[in-house]
């Protein structure tokens, strides 16, 4: 993984982390088991000091940043992925996460209403 796809992966993770309150590049890097400045340098054009990540590191970064494997695969299988595509995929991930949170909130409200109705059917 060199050049374009490295830039795209770096941007994917940086965009994900930046959009999530309470997350930082150093904390996500450490959670993945790498140096705290890893994500701030990974895939940055001209930075040859960051080595190619292992599968374990990529999975650790995905888990810590709440990324999606499908989106990372899209970058990895492209020979021409750009930083902009990485940012766009991060936005898709974030949009999907927001949708899941909304759906969970709806489900909780419905569960609460059902429980209330079951406890007192006269509320119908």
C-alpha atoms as a PDB file:
ATOM      1  CA  UNK A   1       0.000   0.000   0.000  1.00  0.00           C
ATOM      2  CA  UNK A   2       1.771   3.089  -1.215  1.00  0.00           C
ATOM      3  CA  UNK A   3       0.903   6.507  -2.520  1.00  0.00           C
ATOM      4  CA  UNK A   4      -2.731   7.213  -3.143  1.00  0.00           C
ATOM      5  CA  UNK A   5      -4.321   4.465  -1.040  1.00  0.00           C
ATOM      6  CA  UNK A   6      -2.143   5.328   1.974  1.00  0.00           C
ATOM      7  CA  UNK A   7      -3.263   8.968   1.702  1.00  0.00           C
ATOM      8  CA  UNK A   8      -6.900   7.865   1.412  1.00  0.00           C
ATOM      9  CA  UNK A   9      -6.653   5.583   4.451  1.00  0.00           C
ATOM     10  CA  UNK A  10      -4.933   8.263   6.504  1.00  0.00           C
ATOM     11  CA  UNK A  11      -7.608  10.804   5.586  1.00  0.00           C
ATOM     12  CA  UNK A  12     -10.389   8.296   6.285  1.00  0.00           C
ATOM     13  CA  UNK A  13      -9.206   7.791   9.855  1.00  0.00           C
ATOM     14  CA  UNK A  14      -8.332  11.444  10.488  1.00  0.00           C
ATOM     15  CA  UNK A  15     -11.780  12.580   9.282  1.00  0.00           C
ATOM     16  CA  UNK A  16     -13.549   9.944  11.392  1.00  0.00           C
ATOM     17  CA  UNK A  17     -11.657  10.896  14.525  1.00  0.00           C
ATOM     18  CA  UNK A  18     -12.060  14.653  13.997  1.00  0.00           C
ATOM     19  CA  UNK A  19     -15.854  14.313  13.772  1.00  0.00           C
ATOM     20  CA  UNK A  20     -16.268  12.342  17.003  1.00  0.00           C
ATOM     21  CA  UNK A  21     -16.276  14.305  20.253  1.00  0.00           C
ATOM     22  CA  UNK A  22     -13.937  12.857  22.850  1.00  0.00           C
ATOM     23  CA  UNK A  23     -11.711  11.127  20.295  1.00  0.00           C
ATOM     24  CA  UNK A  24      -8.240  12.270  19.324  1.00  0.00           C
ATOM     25  CA  UNK A  25      -5.632  11.009  16.878  1.00  0.00           C
ATOM     26  CA  UNK A  26      -3.215  10.086  19.700  1.00  0.00           C
ATOM     27  CA  UNK A  27      -5.860   8.190  21.726  1.00  0.00           C
ATOM     28  CA  UNK A  28      -7.084   6.229  18.693  1.00  0.00           C
ATOM     29  CA  UNK A  29      -3.498   5.438  17.675  1.00  0.00           C
ATOM     30  CA  UNK A  30      -2.650   4.189  21.173  1.00  0.00           C
ATOM     31  CA  UNK A  31      -5.851   2.105  21.304  1.00  0.00           C
ATOM     32  CA  UNK A  32      -4.714   0.421  18.081  1.00  0.00           C
ATOM     33  CA  UNK A  33      -1.364  -0.394  19.666  1.00  0.00           C
ATOM     34  CA  UNK A  34       0.792   2.073  17.733  1.00  0.00           C
ATOM     35  CA  UNK A  35       2.700   5.242  18.569  1.00  0.00           C
ATOM     36  CA  UNK A  36       0.461   8.166  19.533  1.00  0.00           C
ATOM     37  CA  UNK A  37       1.511  10.240  16.501  1.00  0.00           C
ATOM     38  CA  UNK A  38       0.871   7.386  14.028  1.00  0.00           C
ATOM     39  CA  UNK A  39      -2.434   8.632  12.604  1.00  0.00           C
ATOM     40  CA  UNK A  40      -1.289  12.215  12.350  1.00  0.00           C
ATOM     41  CA  UNK A  41       1.530  11.048  10.045  1.00  0.00           C
ATOM     42  CA  UNK A  42       0.055   8.049   8.218  1.00  0.00           C
ATOM     43  CA  UNK A  43      -0.406   8.645   4.512  1.00  0.00           C
ATOM     44  CA  UNK A  44       0.730  12.263   4.644  1.00  0.00           C
ATOM     45  CA  UNK A  45       2.484  13.040   1.346  1.00  0.00           C
ATOM     46  CA  UNK A  46       6.229  13.291   1.828  1.00  0.00           C
ATOM     47  CA  UNK A  47       6.259  11.515   5.211  1.00  0.00           C
ATOM     48  CA  UNK A  48       8.271   8.350   4.758  1.00  0.00           C
ATOM     49  CA  UNK A  49       8.647   7.740   8.494  1.00  0.00           C
ATOM     50  CA  UNK A  50       5.403   5.812   8.952  1.00  0.00           C
ATOM     51  CA  UNK A  51       5.604   2.170   8.019  1.00  0.00           C
ATOM     52  CA  UNK A  52       2.856   0.290   6.240  1.00  0.00           C
ATOM     53  CA  UNK A  53       0.279  -0.945   8.768  1.00  0.00           C
ATOM     54  CA  UNK A  54      -0.309  -4.602   9.476  1.00  0.00           C
ATOM     55  CA  UNK A  55      -3.790  -6.060   9.315  1.00  0.00           C
ATOM     56  CA  UNK A  56      -3.858  -6.032  13.123  1.00  0.00           C
ATOM     57  CA  UNK A  57      -3.125  -2.300  13.184  1.00  0.00           C
ATOM     58  CA  UNK A  58      -5.769  -1.514  10.549  1.00  0.00           C
ATOM     59  CA  UNK A  59      -8.382  -3.518  12.459  1.00  0.00           C
ATOM     60  CA  UNK A  60      -7.357  -1.821  15.698  1.00  0.00           C
ATOM     61  CA  UNK A  61      -7.718   1.593  14.071  1.00  0.00           C
ATOM     62  CA  UNK A  62     -11.125   0.615  12.661  1.00  0.00           C
ATOM     63  CA  UNK A  63     -12.332  -0.499  16.070  1.00  0.00           C
ATOM     64  CA  UNK A  64     -10.969   2.543  17.927  1.00  0.00           C
ATOM     65  CA  UNK A  65     -12.258   5.065  15.353  1.00  0.00           C
ATOM     66  CA  UNK A  66     -15.584   3.234  14.824  1.00  0.00           C
ATOM     67  CA  UNK A  67     -14.810   2.788  11.140  1.00  0.00           C
ATOM     68  CA  UNK A  68     -16.420   0.335   8.752  1.00  0.00           C
ATOM     69  CA  UNK A  69     -14.492  -2.526   7.199  1.00  0.00           C
ATOM     70  CA  UNK A  70     -16.471  -2.186   3.960  1.00  0.00           C
ATOM     71  CA  UNK A  71     -15.276   1.386   3.535  1.00  0.00           C
ATOM     72  CA  UNK A  72     -11.672   0.494   4.290  1.00  0.00           C
ATOM     73  CA  UNK A  73     -11.888  -2.351   1.765  1.00  0.00           C
ATOM     74  CA  UNK A  74     -13.130   0.093  -0.843  1.00  0.00           C
ATOM     75  CA  UNK A  75      -9.921   2.085  -0.388  1.00  0.00           C
ATOM     76  CA  UNK A  76      -7.607  -0.918  -0.170  1.00  0.00           C
ATOM     77  CA  UNK A  77      -8.924  -2.484  -3.367  1.00  0.00           C
ATOM     78  CA  UNK A  78      -8.524   0.734  -5.335  1.00  0.00           C
ATOM     79  CA  UNK A  79      -5.206   1.589  -6.929  1.00  0.00           C
ATOM     80  CA  UNK A  80      -6.311   5.183  -7.406  1.00  0.00           C
ATOM     81  CA  UNK A  81      -8.040   6.068  -4.112  1.00  0.00           C
ATOM     82  CA  UNK A  82      -7.480   9.693  -3.158  1.00  0.00           C
ATOM     83  CA  UNK A  83      -7.488  11.612   0.108  1.00  0.00           C
ATOM     84  CA  UNK A  84     -10.803  13.171  -0.937  1.00  0.00           C
ATOM     85  CA  UNK A  85     -12.315   9.698  -1.398  1.00  0.00           C
ATOM     86  CA  UNK A  86     -11.071   8.771   2.070  1.00  0.00           C
ATOM     87  CA  UNK A  87     -12.807  11.821   3.553  1.00  0.00           C
ATOM     88  CA  UNK A  88     -16.003  11.041   1.603  1.00  0.00           C
ATOM     89  CA  UNK A  89     -16.033   7.470   2.913  1.00  0.00           C
ATOM     90  CA  UNK A  90     -15.529   8.775   6.450  1.00  0.00           C
ATOM     91  CA  UNK A  91     -18.566  11.015   5.979  1.00  0.00           C
ATOM     92  CA  UNK A  92     -20.576   7.993   4.782  1.00  0.00           C
ATOM     93  CA  UNK A  93     -19.475   6.073   7.872  1.00  0.00           C
ATOM     94  CA  UNK A  94     -20.507   8.953  10.133  1.00  0.00           C
ATOM     95  CA  UNK A  95     -23.869   9.312   8.380  1.00  0.00           C
ATOM     96  CA  UNK A  96     -24.534   5.589   8.825  1.00  0.00           C
ATOM     97  CA  UNK A  97     -23.549   5.794  12.506  1.00  0.00           C
ATOM     98  CA  UNK A  98     -25.958   8.709  13.066  1.00  0.00           C
ATOM     99  CA  UNK A  99     -28.733   6.728  11.393  1.00  0.00           C
ATOM    100  CA  UNK A 100     -28.068   3.738  13.642  1.00  0.00           C
ATOM    101  CA  UNK A 101     -28.192   5.950  16.740  1.00  0.00           C
ATOM    102  CA  UNK A 102     -31.512   7.422  15.612  1.00  0.00           C
ATOM    103  CA  UNK A 103     -32.931   3.948  14.989  1.00  0.00           C
ATOM    104  CA  UNK A 104     -31.752   2.769  18.435  1.00  0.00           C
ATOM    105  CA  UNK A 105     -33.394   5.800  20.061  1.00  0.00           C
ATOM    106  CA  UNK A 106     -36.687   5.053  18.293  1.00  0.00           C
ATOM    107  CA  UNK A 107     -36.515   1.433  19.360  1.00  0.00           C
ATOM    108  CA  UNK A 108     -35.947   2.460  22.995  1.00  0.00           C
ATOM    109  CA  UNK A 109     -38.974   4.768  22.938  1.00  0.00           C
ATOM    110  CA  UNK A 110     -41.145   2.026  21.444  1.00  0.00           C
ATOM    111  CA  UNK A 111     -39.908  -0.509  23.994  1.00  0.00           C
ATOM    112  CA  UNK A 112     -40.722   1.914  26.807  1.00  0.00           C
ATOM    113  CA  UNK A 113     -44.231   2.559  25.411  1.00  0.00           C
ATOM    114  CA  UNK A 114     -44.908  -1.158  25.017  1.00  0.00           C
ATOM    115  CA  UNK A 115     -43.754  -1.801  28.579  1.00  0.00           C
ATOM    116  CA  UNK A 116     -46.058   0.950  29.887  1.00  0.00           C
ATOM    117  CA  UNK A 117     -49.015  -0.420  27.939  1.00  0.00           C
ATOM    118  CA  UNK A 118     -48.344  -3.939  29.124  1.00  0.00           C
ATOM    119  CA  UNK A 119     -48.224  -2.757  32.729  1.00  0.00           C
ATOM    120  CA  UNK A 120     -51.446  -0.743  32.398  1.00  0.00           C
ATOM    121  CA  UNK A 121     -53.607  -1.631  29.359  1.00  0.00           C
ATOM    122  CA  UNK A 122     -56.055   1.176  30.294  1.00  0.00           C
ATOM    123  CA  UNK A 123     -53.526   3.646  28.879  1.00  0.00           C
ATOM    124  CA  UNK A 124     -54.619   2.643  25.407  1.00  0.00           C
END
